[in-house]
Amino acid sequence: MLLAPFTLSEIRGLRPASIQSETPSLPVWLQLWAIGGILGSAMFPLFRAGEMTGWSLPFWLIAAPLINILWLKRSHGWIAIRNLGVWIFEPKKPLSRRTR
């Protein structure tokens, strides 16, 4: 179901910075699939969950592409969380007398 291979053998923290900075871009067809599924579900009641289709159609139109996008962009989320933690918990420098 996922487009990216699942590997536990490589740890991102131990890789050189030049390799870490290379992030794969999202395929255009995946973006179109997600946008089309959201718009289709919003515009056509037939595509929403119901007695005939259940939750299978909304899953494949909306949830599946969003899960793939989140999986492909998972490294960006961890970097943002780590940077936020560093910003919150780093010791604050007192202001000098000139800036007060």
N, C-alpha and C. Protein backbone atom coordinates (compact mmCIF):
# COMPACT_ATOMS: atom_id res chain seq x y z
N MET A 1 0.81 -1.18 0.00
CA MET A 1 0.00 0.00 0.00
C MET A 1 0.86 1.25 0.00
N LEU A 2 1.95 1.25 0.70
CA LEU A 2 2.79 2.43 0.75
C LEU A 2 3.71 2.47 -0.46
N LEU A 3 4.05 3.66 -0.89
CA LEU A 3 4.90 3.81 -2.05
C LEU A 3 6.38 3.76 -1.70
N ALA A 4 6.72 4.14 -0.48
CA ALA A 4 8.13 4.16 -0.07
C ALA A 4 8.47 2.83 0.59
N PRO A 5 9.68 2.34 0.37
CA PRO A 5 10.05 1.08 1.02
C PRO A 5 10.21 1.28 2.52
N PHE A 6 9.84 0.28 3.27
CA PHE A 6 9.95 0.32 4.73
C PHE A 6 11.28 -0.31 5.11
N THR A 7 12.20 0.51 5.63
CA THR A 7 13.50 -0.01 6.02
C THR A 7 13.83 0.46 7.42
N LEU A 8 14.25 -0.47 8.24
CA LEU A 8 14.69 -0.13 9.58
C LEU A 8 16.21 -0.14 9.67
N SER A 9 16.87 -0.62 8.64
CA SER A 9 18.32 -0.79 8.70
C SER A 9 19.07 0.53 8.66
N GLU A 10 18.52 1.53 7.99
CA GLU A 10 19.24 2.79 7.91
C GLU A 10 18.68 3.77 8.94
N ILE A 11 19.56 4.39 9.66
CA ILE A 11 19.17 5.35 10.68
C ILE A 11 19.54 6.73 10.16
N ARG A 12 18.58 7.62 10.10
CA ARG A 12 18.81 8.93 9.52
C ARG A 12 19.83 9.76 10.30
N GLY A 13 19.90 9.59 11.61
CA GLY A 13 20.81 10.39 12.41
C GLY A 13 22.27 10.09 12.13
N LEU A 14 22.58 8.91 11.62
CA LEU A 14 23.96 8.52 11.38
C LEU A 14 24.41 8.78 9.96
N ARG A 15 23.53 9.26 9.13
CA ARG A 15 23.88 9.51 7.74
C ARG A 15 24.51 10.89 7.60
N PRO A 16 25.40 11.08 6.63
CA PRO A 16 25.99 12.41 6.43
C PRO A 16 24.93 13.45 6.08
N ALA A 17 25.23 14.69 6.37
CA ALA A 17 24.27 15.78 6.14
C ALA A 17 23.93 15.93 4.67
N SER A 18 24.88 15.64 3.78
CA SER A 18 24.61 15.78 2.35
C SER A 18 23.55 14.79 1.89
N ILE A 19 23.53 13.61 2.47
CA ILE A 19 22.53 12.62 2.11
C ILE A 19 21.20 12.96 2.76
N GLN A 20 21.22 13.47 3.99
CA GLN A 20 19.98 13.81 4.68
C GLN A 20 19.25 14.95 3.99
N SER A 21 19.97 15.88 3.39
CA SER A 21 19.31 17.02 2.77
C SER A 21 18.57 16.64 1.49
N GLU A 22 18.89 15.49 0.90
CA GLU A 22 18.19 15.05 -0.30
C GLU A 22 16.85 14.44 0.10
N THR A 23 15.79 15.16 -0.16
CA THR A 23 14.47 14.65 0.16
C THR A 23 13.72 14.40 -1.13
N PRO A 24 13.10 13.25 -1.25
CA PRO A 24 12.36 12.96 -2.48
C PRO A 24 11.13 13.86 -2.58
N SER A 25 10.87 14.33 -3.77
CA SER A 25 9.69 15.14 -3.97
C SER A 25 8.47 14.23 -4.14
N LEU A 26 7.32 14.79 -3.86
CA LEU A 26 6.09 14.01 -3.99
C LEU A 26 5.75 13.85 -5.47
N PRO A 27 5.35 12.65 -5.87
CA PRO A 27 4.92 12.47 -7.26
C PRO A 27 3.67 13.30 -7.54
N VAL A 28 3.63 13.87 -8.73
CA VAL A 28 2.49 14.72 -9.10
C VAL A 28 1.20 13.91 -9.10
N TRP A 29 1.27 12.68 -9.56
CA TRP A 29 0.05 11.87 -9.63
C TRP A 29 -0.50 11.59 -8.23
N LEU A 30 0.37 11.50 -7.23
CA LEU A 30 -0.09 11.27 -5.87
C LEU A 30 -0.80 12.51 -5.33
N GLN A 31 -0.26 13.68 -5.63
CA GLN A 31 -0.92 14.92 -5.22
C GLN A 31 -2.28 15.07 -5.90
N LEU A 32 -2.32 14.75 -7.19
CA LEU A 32 -3.60 14.83 -7.92
C LEU A 32 -4.61 13.83 -7.39
N TRP A 33 -4.15 12.66 -7.02
CA TRP A 33 -5.03 11.63 -6.45
C TRP A 33 -5.65 12.13 -5.15
N ALA A 34 -4.85 12.72 -4.28
CA ALA A 34 -5.36 13.23 -3.00
C ALA A 34 -6.34 14.39 -3.23
N ILE A 35 -5.97 15.34 -4.07
CA ILE A 35 -6.84 16.49 -4.34
C ILE A 35 -8.12 16.03 -5.03
N GLY A 36 -7.99 15.14 -6.01
CA GLY A 36 -9.18 14.64 -6.71
C GLY A 36 -10.11 13.86 -5.79
N GLY A 37 -9.54 13.06 -4.89
CA GLY A 37 -10.37 12.31 -3.95
C GLY A 37 -11.11 13.21 -2.99
N ILE A 38 -10.43 14.25 -2.50
CA ILE A 38 -11.09 15.18 -1.58
C ILE A 38 -12.18 15.96 -2.31
N LEU A 39 -11.87 16.47 -3.49
CA LEU A 39 -12.88 17.21 -4.26
C LEU A 39 -14.04 16.30 -4.69
N GLY A 40 -13.72 15.09 -5.12
CA GLY A 40 -14.77 14.16 -5.53
C GLY A 40 -15.70 13.80 -4.39
N SER A 41 -15.14 13.59 -3.21
CA SER A 41 -15.96 13.26 -2.05
C SER A 41 -16.80 14.46 -1.61
N ALA A 42 -16.25 15.65 -1.78
CA ALA A 42 -16.99 16.85 -1.39
C ALA A 42 -18.12 17.15 -2.38
N MET A 43 -17.90 16.87 -3.67
CA MET A 43 -18.88 17.24 -4.69
C MET A 43 -19.92 16.16 -4.97
N PHE A 44 -19.54 14.90 -4.85
CA PHE A 44 -20.44 13.82 -5.22
C PHE A 44 -20.78 12.96 -4.01
N PRO A 45 -22.02 12.98 -3.56
CA PRO A 45 -22.41 12.17 -2.40
C PRO A 45 -22.20 10.67 -2.62
N LEU A 46 -22.18 10.22 -3.86
CA LEU A 46 -21.97 8.81 -4.15
C LEU A 46 -20.60 8.33 -3.67
N PHE A 47 -19.61 9.22 -3.66
CA PHE A 47 -18.25 8.86 -3.25
C PHE A 47 -18.06 8.84 -1.73
N ARG A 48 -19.03 9.32 -0.99
CA ARG A 48 -18.92 9.33 0.47
C ARG A 48 -19.33 7.98 1.02
N ALA A 49 -19.03 7.79 2.30
CA ALA A 49 -19.39 6.52 2.95
C ALA A 49 -20.91 6.40 3.01
N GLY A 50 -21.38 5.22 2.73
CA GLY A 50 -22.82 4.98 2.75
C GLY A 50 -23.11 3.50 2.86
N GLU A 51 -24.38 3.18 2.70
CA GLU A 51 -24.78 1.78 2.82
C GLU A 51 -24.21 0.92 1.71
N MET A 52 -24.12 1.47 0.50
CA MET A 52 -23.66 0.66 -0.63
C MET A 52 -22.14 0.53 -0.68
N THR A 53 -21.44 1.61 -0.41
CA THR A 53 -19.98 1.57 -0.57
C THR A 53 -19.25 1.34 0.74
N GLY A 54 -19.87 1.61 1.85
CA GLY A 54 -19.18 1.49 3.13
C GLY A 54 -18.07 2.53 3.22
N TRP A 55 -17.00 2.20 3.92
CA TRP A 55 -15.88 3.14 4.06
C TRP A 55 -14.74 2.82 3.10
N SER A 56 -14.91 1.85 2.22
CA SER A 56 -13.83 1.47 1.33
C SER A 56 -13.51 2.56 0.31
N LEU A 57 -14.51 3.10 -0.34
CA LEU A 57 -14.28 4.12 -1.36
C LEU A 57 -13.67 5.39 -0.77
N PRO A 58 -14.21 5.93 0.34
CA PRO A 58 -13.56 7.12 0.92
C PRO A 58 -12.12 6.84 1.36
N PHE A 59 -11.85 5.63 1.83
CA PHE A 59 -10.48 5.31 2.22
C PHE A 59 -9.55 5.40 1.02
N TRP A 60 -9.92 4.77 -0.10
CA TRP A 60 -9.03 4.76 -1.25
C TRP A 60 -8.98 6.10 -1.96
N LEU A 61 -9.99 6.94 -1.79
CA LEU A 61 -9.96 8.25 -2.42
C LEU A 61 -9.23 9.30 -1.59
N ILE A 62 -9.34 9.20 -0.26
CA ILE A 62 -8.78 10.25 0.61
C ILE A 62 -7.66 9.72 1.50
N ALA A 63 -7.94 8.71 2.29
CA ALA A 63 -6.99 8.28 3.32
C ALA A 63 -5.72 7.65 2.73
N ALA A 64 -5.86 6.81 1.72
CA ALA A 64 -4.68 6.13 1.16
C ALA A 64 -3.66 7.12 0.59
N PRO A 65 -4.06 8.10 -0.23
CA PRO A 65 -3.03 9.03 -0.72
C PRO A 65 -2.44 9.89 0.40
N LEU A 66 -3.25 10.26 1.40
CA LEU A 66 -2.72 11.07 2.50
C LEU A 66 -1.74 10.28 3.35
N ILE A 67 -2.01 8.99 3.55
CA ILE A 67 -1.06 8.14 4.29
C ILE A 67 0.25 8.04 3.52
N ASN A 68 0.18 7.89 2.21
CA ASN A 68 1.40 7.81 1.39
C ASN A 68 2.18 9.12 1.44
N ILE A 69 1.48 10.25 1.39
CA ILE A 69 2.15 11.55 1.47
C ILE A 69 2.84 11.70 2.83
N LEU A 70 2.14 11.34 3.90
CA LEU A 70 2.75 11.42 5.23
C LEU A 70 3.96 10.51 5.34
N TRP A 71 3.90 9.35 4.75
CA TRP A 71 5.03 8.41 4.81
C TRP A 71 6.23 8.95 4.04
N LEU A 72 5.98 9.53 2.88
CA LEU A 72 7.08 10.06 2.08
C LEU A 72 7.71 11.30 2.71
N LYS A 73 6.95 12.06 3.48
CA LYS A 73 7.44 13.29 4.09
C LYS A 73 7.70 13.13 5.59
N ARG A 74 7.86 11.90 6.07
CA ARG A 74 7.99 11.67 7.51
C ARG A 74 9.24 12.30 8.10
N SER A 75 10.32 12.44 7.35
CA SER A 75 11.54 13.02 7.90
C SER A 75 11.37 14.49 8.22
N HIS A 76 10.55 15.21 7.44
CA HIS A 76 10.34 16.62 7.70
C HIS A 76 9.64 16.85 9.03
N GLY A 77 8.73 15.97 9.38
CA GLY A 77 8.01 16.10 10.65
C GLY A 77 8.93 15.95 11.84
N TRP A 78 9.82 14.95 11.78
CA TRP A 78 10.75 14.74 12.90
C TRP A 78 11.74 15.89 13.02
N ILE A 79 12.16 16.44 11.91
CA ILE A 79 13.08 17.57 11.95
C ILE A 79 12.40 18.78 12.58
N ALA A 80 11.15 19.03 12.21
CA ALA A 80 10.42 20.17 12.78
C ALA A 80 10.20 19.99 14.28
N ILE A 81 9.86 18.78 14.70
CA ILE A 81 9.65 18.52 16.13
C ILE A 81 10.96 18.69 16.90
N ARG A 82 12.05 18.19 16.34
CA ARG A 82 13.35 18.32 17.01
C ARG A 82 13.75 19.79 17.12
N ASN A 83 13.57 20.56 16.06
CA ASN A 83 13.92 21.98 16.10
C ASN A 83 13.06 22.74 17.09
N LEU A 84 11.80 22.39 17.19
CA LEU A 84 10.91 23.03 18.16
C LEU A 84 11.37 22.72 19.58
N GLY A 85 11.76 21.48 19.84
CA GLY A 85 12.25 21.10 21.16
C GLY A 85 13.52 21.84 21.52
N VAL A 86 14.41 21.99 20.56
CA VAL A 86 15.65 22.73 20.81
C VAL A 86 15.33 24.19 21.11
N TRP A 87 14.42 24.77 20.37
CA TRP A 87 14.06 26.17 20.56
C TRP A 87 13.40 26.39 21.92
N ILE A 88 12.54 25.48 22.35
CA ILE A 88 11.84 25.63 23.62
C ILE A 88 12.79 25.44 24.81
N PHE A 89 13.64 24.42 24.73
CA PHE A 89 14.43 24.04 25.90
C PHE A 89 15.85 24.61 25.92
N GLU A 90 16.24 25.38 24.91
CA GLU A 90 17.59 25.95 24.96
C GLU A 90 17.63 27.06 26.00
N PRO A 91 18.75 27.20 26.69
CA PRO A 91 18.83 28.25 27.71
C PRO A 91 18.75 29.63 27.07
N LYS A 92 17.96 30.47 27.66
CA LYS A 92 17.78 31.83 27.13
C LYS A 92 18.90 32.72 27.66
N LYS A 93 19.44 33.54 26.80
CA LYS A 93 20.49 34.47 27.20
C LYS A 93 19.83 35.73 27.78
N PRO A 94 20.35 36.22 28.88
CA PRO A 94 19.78 37.46 29.41
C PRO A 94 20.09 38.62 28.48
N LEU A 95 19.18 39.58 28.45
CA LEU A 95 19.37 40.76 27.61
C LEU A 95 20.47 41.62 28.20
N SER A 96 21.27 42.21 27.34
CA SER A 96 22.31 43.13 27.81
C SER A 96 21.67 44.45 28.20
N ARG A 97 22.39 45.26 28.90
CA ARG A 97 21.85 46.53 29.37
C ARG A 97 21.57 47.48 28.22
N ARG A 98 22.30 47.34 27.14
CA ARG A 98 22.10 48.24 26.00
C ARG A 98 20.76 47.99 25.30
N THR A 99 20.29 46.76 25.27
CA THR A 99 19.06 46.44 24.56
C THR A 99 17.83 46.64 25.42
N ARG A 100 17.98 46.89 26.71
CA ARG A 100 16.81 47.09 27.57
C ARG A 100 16.23 48.44 27.44
